[in-house]
Amino acid sequence: MTLREAIHLVGVTGGIGCGKSEVCRILSSLGCKVFNADNVAKQIQEEDADVIAGMKKLFGDDIYHKNGTARLLPDRKKIAQIVFSDEKKLQALNNLIHPKVFAAFERAKESVCETEKKVLVKEAAILFEAGGTKGLDEIVVVAADFDVRLERLKQAGMEESQIRSRMQSQWSQEELIKRADFVIYNNSSLESLKAQTESVLEKILA
């Protein structure tokens, strides 16, 4: 049996404020290994010399600053303000980062056989938009009503105009749901979310 045949690859995505990270935490507690593509992308922006050079070329040398730390960090707030209002800049950033994330995901597969479930979950905010669904066995979309998402994000400190801008830069929830193998609705309690997530995992492994 090959490595690919021995493991199960599951993508988890959803619009901002839907709670995909909470679903992935639950999956992790159930024995799945989680690869957080967004966190890996952030790490690459901080550590990969080629990406750092590309970021500076794209946004200017002053896009990196120490911000009270010993090393240079990208100004993520400024980058977000730029790319979410400039589609060409967003595409250029994605072209710079995503090949590195894909390579990291390939490396992550090798450690999955050590886990009980032999499931590797790829968590990504723009899984479809970035072409990150290639080779995955199932796609799980986490969904929530607009008002629920808006309130969660406001409580997290985001302005409504910023929230709407982020939402508009992502695929619509309706489009994500149409492409999903499984949908988890996160409109109510954590207990409901856990029950739905457990049910979806059971169906995936059946």
N, C-alpha and C. Protein backbone atom coordinates (compact mmCIF):
# COMPACT_ATOMS: atom_id res chain seq x y z
N MET A 1 0.84 -1.20 0.00
CA MET A 1 0.00 0.00 0.00
C MET A 1 0.88 1.25 0.00
N THR A 2 0.57 2.18 -0.89
CA THR A 2 1.34 3.42 -0.96
C THR A 2 0.93 4.36 0.16
N LEU A 3 1.77 5.39 0.38
CA LEU A 3 1.44 6.40 1.40
C LEU A 3 0.10 7.04 1.10
N ARG A 4 -0.14 7.37 -0.18
CA ARG A 4 -1.40 8.02 -0.54
C ARG A 4 -2.59 7.13 -0.26
N GLU A 5 -2.46 5.83 -0.47
CA GLU A 5 -3.56 4.90 -0.22
C GLU A 5 -3.81 4.70 1.27
N ALA A 6 -2.79 4.94 2.08
CA ALA A 6 -2.89 4.69 3.52
C ALA A 6 -3.54 5.82 4.29
N ILE A 7 -3.62 7.00 3.68
CA ILE A 7 -4.15 8.16 4.40
C ILE A 7 -5.39 8.71 3.72
N HIS A 8 -6.13 9.50 4.49
CA HIS A 8 -7.36 10.12 3.99
C HIS A 8 -7.18 11.63 4.05
N LEU A 9 -7.41 12.32 2.94
CA LEU A 9 -7.19 13.76 2.86
C LEU A 9 -8.53 14.49 2.81
N VAL A 10 -8.73 15.38 3.78
CA VAL A 10 -10.01 16.09 3.92
C VAL A 10 -9.75 17.59 3.96
N GLY A 11 -10.45 18.34 3.12
CA GLY A 11 -10.34 19.80 3.15
C GLY A 11 -11.46 20.40 3.99
N VAL A 12 -11.12 21.38 4.81
CA VAL A 12 -12.13 22.10 5.60
C VAL A 12 -12.01 23.58 5.30
N THR A 13 -13.10 24.18 4.86
CA THR A 13 -13.08 25.60 4.54
C THR A 13 -14.41 26.24 4.95
N GLY A 14 -14.51 27.53 4.74
CA GLY A 14 -15.72 28.27 5.09
C GLY A 14 -15.39 29.75 5.13
N GLY A 15 -16.38 30.58 4.93
CA GLY A 15 -16.16 32.02 4.94
C GLY A 15 -15.76 32.53 6.31
N ILE A 16 -15.25 33.73 6.34
CA ILE A 16 -14.81 34.35 7.59
C ILE A 16 -15.98 34.39 8.58
N GLY A 17 -15.69 33.98 9.82
CA GLY A 17 -16.69 34.01 10.88
C GLY A 17 -17.56 32.78 10.98
N CYS A 18 -17.31 31.78 10.13
CA CYS A 18 -18.15 30.57 10.15
C CYS A 18 -17.74 29.58 11.24
N GLY A 19 -16.46 29.59 11.60
CA GLY A 19 -16.00 28.70 12.66
C GLY A 19 -15.28 27.47 12.19
N LYS A 20 -14.62 27.55 11.02
CA LYS A 20 -13.90 26.37 10.51
C LYS A 20 -12.76 25.96 11.43
N SER A 21 -12.13 26.93 12.11
CA SER A 21 -11.02 26.58 13.01
C SER A 21 -11.52 25.78 14.20
N GLU A 22 -12.72 26.09 14.68
CA GLU A 22 -13.29 25.33 15.79
C GLU A 22 -13.60 23.90 15.35
N VAL A 23 -14.10 23.75 14.15
CA VAL A 23 -14.35 22.41 13.61
C VAL A 23 -13.04 21.62 13.52
N CYS A 24 -11.99 22.28 13.10
CA CYS A 24 -10.70 21.61 12.99
C CYS A 24 -10.12 21.25 14.36
N ARG A 25 -10.38 22.08 15.36
CA ARG A 25 -9.95 21.73 16.72
C ARG A 25 -10.68 20.47 17.19
N ILE A 26 -11.95 20.37 16.86
CA ILE A 26 -12.72 19.18 17.22
C ILE A 26 -12.17 17.96 16.50
N LEU A 27 -11.88 18.11 15.20
CA LEU A 27 -11.32 16.99 14.43
C LEU A 27 -9.97 16.55 14.99
N SER A 28 -9.18 17.52 15.44
CA SER A 28 -7.89 17.20 16.05
C SER A 28 -8.09 16.38 17.32
N SER A 29 -9.09 16.78 18.13
CA SER A 29 -9.37 16.05 19.37
C SER A 29 -9.89 14.65 19.11
N LEU A 30 -10.40 14.41 17.90
CA LEU A 30 -10.92 13.10 17.51
C LEU A 30 -9.85 12.23 16.85
N GLY A 31 -8.61 12.72 16.82
CA GLY A 31 -7.50 11.91 16.33
C GLY A 31 -7.01 12.23 14.94
N CYS A 32 -7.53 13.30 14.34
CA CYS A 32 -7.07 13.70 13.01
C CYS A 32 -5.88 14.65 13.13
N LYS A 33 -5.02 14.63 12.13
CA LYS A 33 -3.92 15.59 12.06
C LYS A 33 -4.40 16.77 11.23
N VAL A 34 -4.19 17.99 11.73
CA VAL A 34 -4.67 19.19 11.04
C VAL A 34 -3.50 20.00 10.50
N PHE A 35 -3.58 20.30 9.22
CA PHE A 35 -2.61 21.17 8.55
C PHE A 35 -3.31 22.50 8.31
N ASN A 36 -2.91 23.53 9.06
CA ASN A 36 -3.53 24.84 8.93
C ASN A 36 -2.80 25.64 7.86
N ALA A 37 -3.37 25.68 6.67
CA ALA A 37 -2.71 26.32 5.54
C ALA A 37 -2.48 27.82 5.78
N ASP A 38 -3.41 28.45 6.48
CA ASP A 38 -3.27 29.89 6.73
C ASP A 38 -2.11 30.18 7.67
N ASN A 39 -1.95 29.35 8.70
CA ASN A 39 -0.82 29.53 9.62
C ASN A 39 0.51 29.24 8.94
N VAL A 40 0.52 28.21 8.09
CA VAL A 40 1.74 27.89 7.35
C VAL A 40 2.10 29.05 6.42
N ALA A 41 1.10 29.65 5.78
CA ALA A 41 1.34 30.80 4.90
C ALA A 41 1.96 31.96 5.68
N LYS A 42 1.48 32.19 6.90
CA LYS A 42 2.04 33.26 7.73
C LYS A 42 3.50 32.97 8.07
N GLN A 43 3.78 31.73 8.42
CA GLN A 43 5.15 31.34 8.78
C GLN A 43 6.09 31.52 7.59
N ILE A 44 5.62 31.15 6.41
CA ILE A 44 6.42 31.30 5.20
C ILE A 44 6.75 32.77 4.94
N GLN A 45 5.79 33.65 5.17
CA GLN A 45 6.01 35.09 4.97
C GLN A 45 7.06 35.64 5.93
N GLU A 46 7.25 34.97 7.05
CA GLU A 46 8.21 35.43 8.05
C GLU A 46 9.60 34.81 7.89
N GLU A 47 9.66 33.62 7.26
CA GLU A 47 10.91 32.86 7.29
C GLU A 47 11.51 32.55 5.93
N ASP A 48 10.73 32.52 4.87
CA ASP A 48 11.23 32.13 3.55
C ASP A 48 11.84 33.35 2.84
N ALA A 49 13.14 33.28 2.56
CA ALA A 49 13.86 34.42 1.98
C ALA A 49 13.29 34.84 0.63
N ASP A 50 12.94 33.86 -0.21
CA ASP A 50 12.39 34.18 -1.52
C ASP A 50 11.04 34.89 -1.41
N VAL A 51 10.22 34.43 -0.48
CA VAL A 51 8.90 35.04 -0.28
C VAL A 51 9.05 36.45 0.29
N ILE A 52 9.96 36.61 1.25
CA ILE A 52 10.19 37.93 1.84
C ILE A 52 10.62 38.92 0.76
N ALA A 53 11.51 38.49 -0.13
CA ALA A 53 11.95 39.36 -1.22
C ALA A 53 10.78 39.70 -2.15
N GLY A 54 9.97 38.69 -2.43
CA GLY A 54 8.81 38.92 -3.28
C GLY A 54 7.78 39.84 -2.66
N MET A 55 7.60 39.71 -1.35
CA MET A 55 6.65 40.58 -0.63
C MET A 55 7.12 42.03 -0.67
N LYS A 56 8.41 42.23 -0.49
CA LYS A 56 8.96 43.58 -0.52
C LYS A 56 8.82 44.20 -1.91
N LYS A 57 9.02 43.36 -2.93
CA LYS A 57 8.87 43.85 -4.30
C LYS A 57 7.42 44.22 -4.58
N LEU A 58 6.51 43.46 -4.02
CA LEU A 58 5.08 43.66 -4.25
C LEU A 58 4.50 44.83 -3.46
N PHE A 59 4.95 44.98 -2.20
CA PHE A 59 4.34 45.98 -1.31
C PHE A 59 5.29 47.08 -0.85
N GLY A 60 6.59 46.94 -1.15
CA GLY A 60 7.56 47.93 -0.69
C GLY A 60 8.36 47.40 0.49
N ASP A 61 9.60 47.89 0.62
CA ASP A 61 10.50 47.42 1.69
C ASP A 61 9.92 47.65 3.08
N ASP A 62 9.11 48.72 3.23
CA ASP A 62 8.60 49.06 4.56
C ASP A 62 7.44 48.18 4.99
N ILE A 63 7.09 47.16 4.19
CA ILE A 63 6.00 46.27 4.58
C ILE A 63 6.45 45.36 5.73
N TYR A 64 7.77 45.24 5.94
CA TYR A 64 8.31 44.47 7.07
C TYR A 64 8.83 45.41 8.15
N HIS A 65 8.57 45.05 9.40
CA HIS A 65 9.03 45.86 10.53
C HIS A 65 9.23 44.95 11.73
N LYS A 66 9.94 45.40 12.71
CA LYS A 66 10.24 44.56 13.88
C LYS A 66 9.08 44.49 14.86
N ASN A 67 8.33 45.55 15.01
CA ASN A 67 7.13 45.53 15.84
C ASN A 67 7.38 44.96 17.24
N GLY A 68 8.51 45.35 17.82
CA GLY A 68 8.84 44.91 19.18
C GLY A 68 9.44 43.53 19.26
N THR A 69 9.70 42.88 18.14
CA THR A 69 10.29 41.55 18.14
C THR A 69 11.71 41.62 17.61
N ALA A 70 12.42 40.49 17.72
CA ALA A 70 13.81 40.46 17.28
C ALA A 70 13.94 40.31 15.78
N ARG A 71 12.89 39.88 15.11
CA ARG A 71 12.97 39.68 13.66
C ARG A 71 11.91 40.50 12.94
N LEU A 72 12.12 40.67 11.65
CA LEU A 72 11.19 41.44 10.84
C LEU A 72 9.92 40.64 10.58
N LEU A 73 8.78 41.31 10.70
CA LEU A 73 7.49 40.69 10.46
C LEU A 73 6.71 41.52 9.44
N PRO A 74 5.89 40.86 8.63
CA PRO A 74 5.09 41.62 7.66
C PRO A 74 3.96 42.37 8.36
N ASP A 75 3.62 43.53 7.84
CA ASP A 75 2.51 44.32 8.36
C ASP A 75 1.22 43.73 7.78
N ARG A 76 0.66 42.74 8.47
CA ARG A 76 -0.48 42.00 7.93
C ARG A 76 -1.72 42.89 7.77
N LYS A 77 -1.91 43.83 8.66
CA LYS A 77 -3.07 44.71 8.56
C LYS A 77 -2.98 45.57 7.30
N LYS A 78 -1.80 46.09 7.03
CA LYS A 78 -1.61 46.92 5.84
C LYS A 78 -1.75 46.09 4.57
N ILE A 79 -1.20 44.87 4.59
CA ILE A 79 -1.31 43.98 3.44
C ILE A 79 -2.77 43.66 3.15
N ALA A 80 -3.53 43.36 4.22
CA ALA A 80 -4.95 43.04 4.06
C ALA A 80 -5.71 44.22 3.45
N GLN A 81 -5.40 45.43 3.91
CA GLN A 81 -6.07 46.62 3.38
C GLN A 81 -5.80 46.79 1.89
N ILE A 82 -4.58 46.43 1.49
CA ILE A 82 -4.20 46.58 0.08
C ILE A 82 -4.85 45.50 -0.79
N VAL A 83 -4.67 44.23 -0.40
CA VAL A 83 -5.10 43.14 -1.28
C VAL A 83 -6.61 42.97 -1.35
N PHE A 84 -7.32 43.33 -0.29
CA PHE A 84 -8.76 43.15 -0.33
C PHE A 84 -9.47 44.27 -1.11
N SER A 85 -8.69 45.22 -1.61
CA SER A 85 -9.25 46.25 -2.48
C SER A 85 -8.54 46.28 -3.83
N ASP A 86 -7.61 45.34 -4.05
CA ASP A 86 -6.85 45.30 -5.29
C ASP A 86 -6.69 43.83 -5.71
N GLU A 87 -7.53 43.39 -6.64
CA GLU A 87 -7.56 41.98 -7.01
C GLU A 87 -6.24 41.52 -7.62
N LYS A 88 -5.56 42.38 -8.37
CA LYS A 88 -4.29 42.01 -8.98
C LYS A 88 -3.21 41.78 -7.92
N LYS A 89 -3.20 42.62 -6.90
CA LYS A 89 -2.23 42.44 -5.80
C LYS A 89 -2.53 41.16 -5.04
N LEU A 90 -3.81 40.88 -4.85
CA LEU A 90 -4.21 39.66 -4.14
C LEU A 90 -3.75 38.43 -4.92
N GLN A 91 -3.95 38.44 -6.23
CA GLN A 91 -3.54 37.32 -7.05
C GLN A 91 -2.03 37.15 -7.04
N ALA A 92 -1.32 38.26 -7.09
CA ALA A 92 0.15 38.20 -7.07
C ALA A 92 0.64 37.62 -5.75
N LEU A 93 0.00 38.01 -4.64
CA LEU A 93 0.36 37.48 -3.33
C LEU A 93 0.09 35.98 -3.27
N ASN A 94 -1.07 35.57 -3.77
CA ASN A 94 -1.41 34.15 -3.77
C ASN A 94 -0.42 33.34 -4.61
N ASN A 95 -0.02 33.88 -5.75
CA ASN A 95 0.93 33.19 -6.62
C ASN A 95 2.30 33.03 -5.94
N LEU A 96 2.60 33.95 -5.06
CA LEU A 96 3.87 33.92 -4.34
C LEU A 96 3.84 32.89 -3.20
N ILE A 97 2.73 32.85 -2.48
CA ILE A 97 2.63 32.05 -1.27
C ILE A 97 2.17 30.61 -1.50
N HIS A 98 1.15 30.44 -2.32
CA HIS A 98 0.48 29.15 -2.39
C HIS A 98 1.34 27.98 -2.85
N PRO A 99 2.25 28.15 -3.82
CA PRO A 99 3.11 26.99 -4.16
C PRO A 99 3.92 26.50 -2.97
N LYS A 100 4.34 27.40 -2.10
CA LYS A 100 5.10 27.02 -0.91
C LYS A 100 4.21 26.26 0.08
N VAL A 101 2.95 26.70 0.20
CA VAL A 101 2.00 26.02 1.10
C VAL A 101 1.71 24.62 0.58
N PHE A 102 1.53 24.48 -0.74
CA PHE A 102 1.27 23.17 -1.33
C PHE A 102 2.42 22.21 -1.05
N ALA A 103 3.64 22.71 -1.15
CA ALA A 103 4.82 21.88 -0.90
C ALA A 103 4.87 21.43 0.57
N ALA A 104 4.51 22.34 1.47
CA ALA A 104 4.48 22.00 2.89
C ALA A 104 3.41 20.95 3.19
N PHE A 105 2.28 21.04 2.49
CA PHE A 105 1.21 20.06 2.67
C PHE A 105 1.67 18.67 2.22
N GLU A 106 2.41 18.62 1.13
CA GLU A 106 2.94 17.34 0.65
C GLU A 106 3.85 16.71 1.71
N ARG A 107 4.66 17.54 2.36
CA ARG A 107 5.55 17.02 3.41
C ARG A 107 4.76 16.54 4.62
N ALA A 108 3.64 17.22 4.90
CA ALA A 108 2.83 16.87 6.07
C ALA A 108 2.20 15.49 5.94
N LYS A 109 1.98 15.05 4.72
CA LYS A 109 1.36 13.74 4.50
C LYS A 109 2.18 12.61 5.12
N GLU A 110 3.50 12.78 5.14
CA GLU A 110 4.37 11.70 5.57
C GLU A 110 4.23 11.36 7.06
N SER A 111 3.75 12.31 7.86
CA SER A 111 3.62 12.06 9.30
C SER A 111 2.24 11.57 9.70
N VAL A 112 1.31 11.51 8.75
CA VAL A 112 -0.07 11.17 9.08
C VAL A 112 -0.24 9.71 9.44
N CYS A 113 0.59 8.84 8.88
CA CYS A 113 0.46 7.41 9.16
C CYS A 113 0.68 7.10 10.64
N GLU A 114 1.30 8.03 11.37
CA GLU A 114 1.55 7.82 12.79
C GLU A 114 0.31 8.09 13.63
N THR A 115 -0.72 8.74 13.04
CA THR A 115 -1.92 9.08 13.81
C THR A 115 -2.91 7.93 13.79
N GLU A 116 -3.78 7.93 14.77
CA GLU A 116 -4.76 6.85 14.92
C GLU A 116 -5.71 6.78 13.73
N LYS A 117 -6.24 7.93 13.32
CA LYS A 117 -7.26 7.94 12.27
C LYS A 117 -6.66 7.92 10.86
N LYS A 118 -5.38 8.27 10.74
CA LYS A 118 -4.72 8.37 9.42
C LYS A 118 -5.49 9.34 8.51
N VAL A 119 -5.94 10.42 9.11
CA VAL A 119 -6.66 11.47 8.39
C VAL A 119 -5.87 12.76 8.48
N LEU A 120 -5.62 13.38 7.34
CA LEU A 120 -4.96 14.69 7.31
C LEU A 120 -6.00 15.71 6.86
N VAL A 121 -6.26 16.67 7.73
CA VAL A 121 -7.24 17.73 7.45
C VAL A 121 -6.50 18.97 6.99
N LYS A 122 -6.89 19.48 5.86
CA LYS A 122 -6.31 20.72 5.34
C LYS A 122 -7.28 21.86 5.59
N GLU A 123 -6.95 22.71 6.55
CA GLU A 123 -7.79 23.86 6.90
C GLU A 123 -7.31 25.07 6.11
N ALA A 124 -8.21 25.69 5.35
CA ALA A 124 -7.82 26.86 4.55
C ALA A 124 -9.02 27.76 4.30
N ALA A 125 -8.81 29.05 4.46
CA ALA A 125 -9.89 30.02 4.26
C ALA A 125 -10.29 30.11 2.80
N ILE A 126 -9.32 29.98 1.90
CA ILE A 126 -9.60 30.09 0.46
C ILE A 126 -9.17 28.81 -0.24
N LEU A 127 -9.69 27.71 0.23
CA LEU A 127 -9.31 26.39 -0.29
C LEU A 127 -9.60 26.27 -1.79
N PHE A 128 -10.81 26.65 -2.19
CA PHE A 128 -11.19 26.57 -3.60
C PHE A 128 -10.48 27.63 -4.43
N GLU A 129 -10.48 28.86 -3.92
CA GLU A 129 -9.90 29.98 -4.67
C GLU A 129 -8.43 29.76 -4.98
N ALA A 130 -7.73 29.10 -4.06
CA ALA A 130 -6.28 28.88 -4.22
C ALA A 130 -5.96 27.59 -4.97
N GLY A 131 -6.98 26.87 -5.41
CA GLY A 131 -6.75 25.61 -6.09
C GLY A 131 -6.26 24.53 -5.15
N GLY A 132 -6.60 24.67 -3.86
CA GLY A 132 -6.08 23.75 -2.85
C GLY A 132 -6.86 22.47 -2.67
N THR A 133 -7.87 22.24 -3.52
CA THR A 133 -8.68 21.03 -3.37
C THR A 133 -8.11 19.84 -4.13
N LYS A 134 -7.10 20.07 -4.95
CA LYS A 134 -6.54 19.01 -5.78
C LYS A 134 -6.02 17.86 -4.91
N GLY A 135 -6.47 16.65 -5.21
CA GLY A 135 -6.00 15.47 -4.50
C GLY A 135 -6.73 15.17 -3.20
N LEU A 136 -7.64 16.03 -2.78
CA LEU A 136 -8.37 15.79 -1.54
C LEU A 136 -9.50 14.79 -1.78
N ASP A 137 -9.81 14.00 -0.76
CA ASP A 137 -10.86 12.98 -0.89
C ASP A 137 -12.24 13.57 -0.65
N GLU A 138 -12.38 14.43 0.33
CA GLU A 138 -13.65 15.08 0.63
C GLU A 138 -13.42 16.54 1.01
N ILE A 139 -14.45 17.34 0.76
CA ILE A 139 -14.43 18.75 1.16
C ILE A 139 -15.56 18.99 2.15
N VAL A 140 -15.21 19.55 3.30
CA VAL A 140 -16.19 19.93 4.31
C VAL A 140 -16.27 21.45 4.36
N VAL A 141 -17.47 21.97 4.20
CA VAL A 141 -17.68 23.42 4.30
C VAL A 141 -18.41 23.72 5.60
N VAL A 142 -17.86 24.66 6.36
CA VAL A 142 -18.49 25.13 7.59
C VAL A 142 -19.26 26.39 7.24
N ALA A 143 -20.55 26.41 7.55
CA ALA A 143 -21.42 27.52 7.15
C ALA A 143 -22.14 28.10 8.36
N ALA A 144 -22.53 29.37 8.24
CA ALA A 144 -23.30 30.03 9.29
C ALA A 144 -24.07 31.19 8.67
N ASP A 145 -25.18 31.56 9.29
CA ASP A 145 -25.98 32.68 8.80
C ASP A 145 -25.17 33.97 8.84
N PHE A 146 -25.47 34.88 7.92
CA PHE A 146 -24.72 36.13 7.82
C PHE A 146 -24.73 36.91 9.14
N ASP A 147 -25.91 37.03 9.77
CA ASP A 147 -26.01 37.81 11.02
C ASP A 147 -25.17 37.20 12.12
N VAL A 148 -25.11 35.87 12.16
CA VAL A 148 -24.30 35.17 13.17
C VAL A 148 -22.82 35.46 12.94
N ARG A 149 -22.40 35.37 11.70
CA ARG A 149 -21.00 35.63 11.36
C ARG A 149 -20.63 37.08 11.68
N LEU A 150 -21.50 37.99 11.32
CA LEU A 150 -21.25 39.41 11.54
C LEU A 150 -21.07 39.71 13.02
N GLU A 151 -21.93 39.15 13.84
CA GLU A 151 -21.86 39.40 15.28
C GLU A 151 -20.59 38.80 15.88
N ARG A 152 -20.22 37.61 15.46
CA ARG A 152 -18.99 36.98 15.97
C ARG A 152 -17.77 37.85 15.66
N LEU A 153 -17.71 38.33 14.45
CA LEU A 153 -16.55 39.10 14.01
C LEU A 153 -16.50 40.48 14.67
N LYS A 154 -17.67 41.06 14.90
CA LYS A 154 -17.71 42.34 15.63
C LYS A 154 -17.21 42.16 17.06
N GLN A 155 -17.61 41.05 17.67
CA GLN A 155 -17.16 40.77 19.03
C GLN A 155 -15.65 40.51 19.07
N ALA A 156 -15.10 40.08 17.94
CA ALA A 156 -13.65 39.85 17.84
C ALA A 156 -12.89 41.15 17.56
N GLY A 157 -13.63 42.25 17.40
CA GLY A 157 -12.99 43.55 17.24
C GLY A 157 -12.91 44.08 15.82
N MET A 158 -13.57 43.43 14.87
CA MET A 158 -13.52 43.89 13.50
C MET A 158 -14.63 44.91 13.22
N GLU A 159 -14.33 45.87 12.38
CA GLU A 159 -15.33 46.85 11.95
C GLU A 159 -16.21 46.22 10.87
N GLU A 160 -17.48 46.66 10.81
CA GLU A 160 -18.40 46.07 9.83
C GLU A 160 -17.92 46.27 8.40
N SER A 161 -17.37 47.42 8.10
CA SER A 161 -16.88 47.68 6.73
C SER A 161 -15.75 46.72 6.37
N GLN A 162 -14.89 46.44 7.35
CA GLN A 162 -13.78 45.51 7.15
C GLN A 162 -14.31 44.09 6.94
N ILE A 163 -15.32 43.73 7.72
CA ILE A 163 -15.92 42.40 7.61
C ILE A 163 -16.52 42.19 6.23
N ARG A 164 -17.29 43.18 5.78
CA ARG A 164 -17.95 43.07 4.47
C ARG A 164 -16.92 43.00 3.35
N SER A 165 -15.82 43.74 3.48
CA SER A 165 -14.77 43.71 2.48
C SER A 165 -14.13 42.33 2.40
N ARG A 166 -13.88 41.73 3.56
CA ARG A 166 -13.29 40.37 3.59
C ARG A 166 -14.25 39.36 2.96
N MET A 167 -15.53 39.48 3.31
CA MET A 167 -16.52 38.56 2.78
C MET A 167 -16.61 38.66 1.26
N GLN A 168 -16.56 39.87 0.75
CA GLN A 168 -16.68 40.10 -0.69
C GLN A 168 -15.48 39.56 -1.45
N SER A 169 -14.34 39.46 -0.77
CA SER A 169 -13.12 38.96 -1.43
C SER A 169 -13.10 37.44 -1.49
N GLN A 170 -13.99 36.80 -0.73
CA GLN A 170 -14.07 35.34 -0.70
C GLN A 170 -15.25 34.86 -1.54
N TRP A 171 -15.23 33.60 -1.93
CA TRP A 171 -16.38 33.03 -2.62
C TRP A 171 -17.59 33.10 -1.71
N SER A 172 -18.77 33.19 -2.30
CA SER A 172 -20.00 33.24 -1.50
C SER A 172 -20.22 31.90 -0.80
N GLN A 173 -20.92 31.96 0.32
CA GLN A 173 -21.20 30.74 1.06
C GLN A 173 -22.03 29.77 0.21
N GLU A 174 -22.93 30.31 -0.58
CA GLU A 174 -23.77 29.47 -1.44
C GLU A 174 -22.92 28.69 -2.43
N GLU A 175 -21.90 29.34 -2.98
CA GLU A 175 -21.01 28.67 -3.94
C GLU A 175 -20.20 27.58 -3.25
N LEU A 176 -19.72 27.86 -2.04
CA LEU A 176 -18.95 26.86 -1.29
C LEU A 176 -19.81 25.62 -1.00
N ILE A 177 -21.04 25.87 -0.58
CA ILE A 177 -21.94 24.76 -0.23
C ILE A 177 -22.21 23.88 -1.44
N LYS A 178 -22.37 24.50 -2.61
CA LYS A 178 -22.63 23.73 -3.83
C LYS A 178 -21.49 22.77 -4.16
N ARG A 179 -20.28 23.13 -3.76
CA ARG A 179 -19.11 22.33 -4.09
C ARG A 179 -18.70 21.38 -2.96
N ALA A 180 -19.41 21.41 -1.85
CA ALA A 180 -19.03 20.62 -0.68
C ALA A 180 -19.54 19.19 -0.75
N ASP A 181 -18.77 18.28 -0.16
CA ASP A 181 -19.25 16.92 0.06
C ASP A 181 -20.07 16.84 1.34
N PHE A 182 -19.68 17.64 2.34
CA PHE A 182 -20.39 17.71 3.61
C PHE A 182 -20.47 19.17 4.05
N VAL A 183 -21.58 19.53 4.69
CA VAL A 183 -21.74 20.89 5.22
C VAL A 183 -22.06 20.80 6.70
N ILE A 184 -21.32 21.58 7.49
CA ILE A 184 -21.57 21.68 8.93
C ILE A 184 -22.09 23.09 9.21
N TYR A 185 -23.27 23.18 9.82
CA TYR A 185 -23.88 24.48 10.10
C TYR A 185 -23.57 24.91 11.53
N ASN A 186 -22.92 26.03 11.66
CA ASN A 186 -22.46 26.51 12.96
C ASN A 186 -23.23 27.76 13.38
N ASN A 187 -24.52 27.57 13.66
CA ASN A 187 -25.37 28.69 14.05
C ASN A 187 -25.76 28.66 15.53
N SER A 188 -25.47 27.56 16.21
CA SER A 188 -25.98 27.46 17.58
C SER A 188 -24.87 27.11 18.57
N SER A 189 -25.03 26.01 19.27
CA SER A 189 -24.13 25.70 20.39
C SER A 189 -22.89 24.92 19.96
N LEU A 190 -21.90 24.92 20.84
CA LEU A 190 -20.69 24.13 20.62
C LEU A 190 -21.03 22.64 20.62
N GLU A 191 -22.01 22.25 21.44
CA GLU A 191 -22.41 20.84 21.50
C GLU A 191 -22.97 20.39 20.15
N SER A 192 -23.75 21.26 19.51
CA SER A 192 -24.29 20.95 18.19
C SER A 192 -23.17 20.83 17.16
N LEU A 193 -22.19 21.74 17.26
CA LEU A 193 -21.06 21.72 16.33
C LEU A 193 -20.26 20.43 16.48
N LYS A 194 -20.03 20.03 17.73
CA LYS A 194 -19.29 18.79 17.99
C LYS A 194 -20.03 17.58 17.44
N ALA A 195 -21.34 17.54 17.65
CA ALA A 195 -22.14 16.40 17.20
C ALA A 195 -22.11 16.30 15.67
N GLN A 196 -22.25 17.44 15.00
CA GLN A 196 -22.21 17.44 13.53
C GLN A 196 -20.84 17.01 13.00
N THR A 197 -19.79 17.52 13.65
CA THR A 197 -18.43 17.20 13.22
C THR A 197 -18.14 15.72 13.40
N GLU A 198 -18.54 15.16 14.53
CA GLU A 198 -18.35 13.73 14.78
C GLU A 198 -19.09 12.90 13.74
N SER A 199 -20.31 13.32 13.41
CA SER A 199 -21.12 12.60 12.43
C SER A 199 -20.47 12.63 11.05
N VAL A 200 -19.94 13.80 10.65
CA VAL A 200 -19.29 13.92 9.35
C VAL A 200 -18.04 13.04 9.30
N LEU A 201 -17.25 13.03 10.37
CA LEU A 201 -16.03 12.19 10.38
C LEU A 201 -16.39 10.72 10.28
N GLU A 202 -17.43 10.31 10.97
CA GLU A 202 -17.86 8.90 10.89
C GLU A 202 -18.23 8.53 9.46
N LYS A 203 -18.92 9.45 8.77
CA LYS A 203 -19.32 9.17 7.39
C LYS A 203 -18.11 9.13 6.46
N ILE A 204 -17.15 9.99 6.70
CA ILE A 204 -15.93 10.01 5.89
C ILE A 204 -15.14 8.72 6.03
N LEU A 205 -15.09 8.20 7.25
CA LEU A 205 -14.30 7.00 7.52
C LEU A 205 -15.05 5.70 7.22
N ALA A 206 -16.37 5.81 7.02
CA ALA A 206 -17.18 4.60 6.79
C ALA A 206 -16.79 3.92 5.48
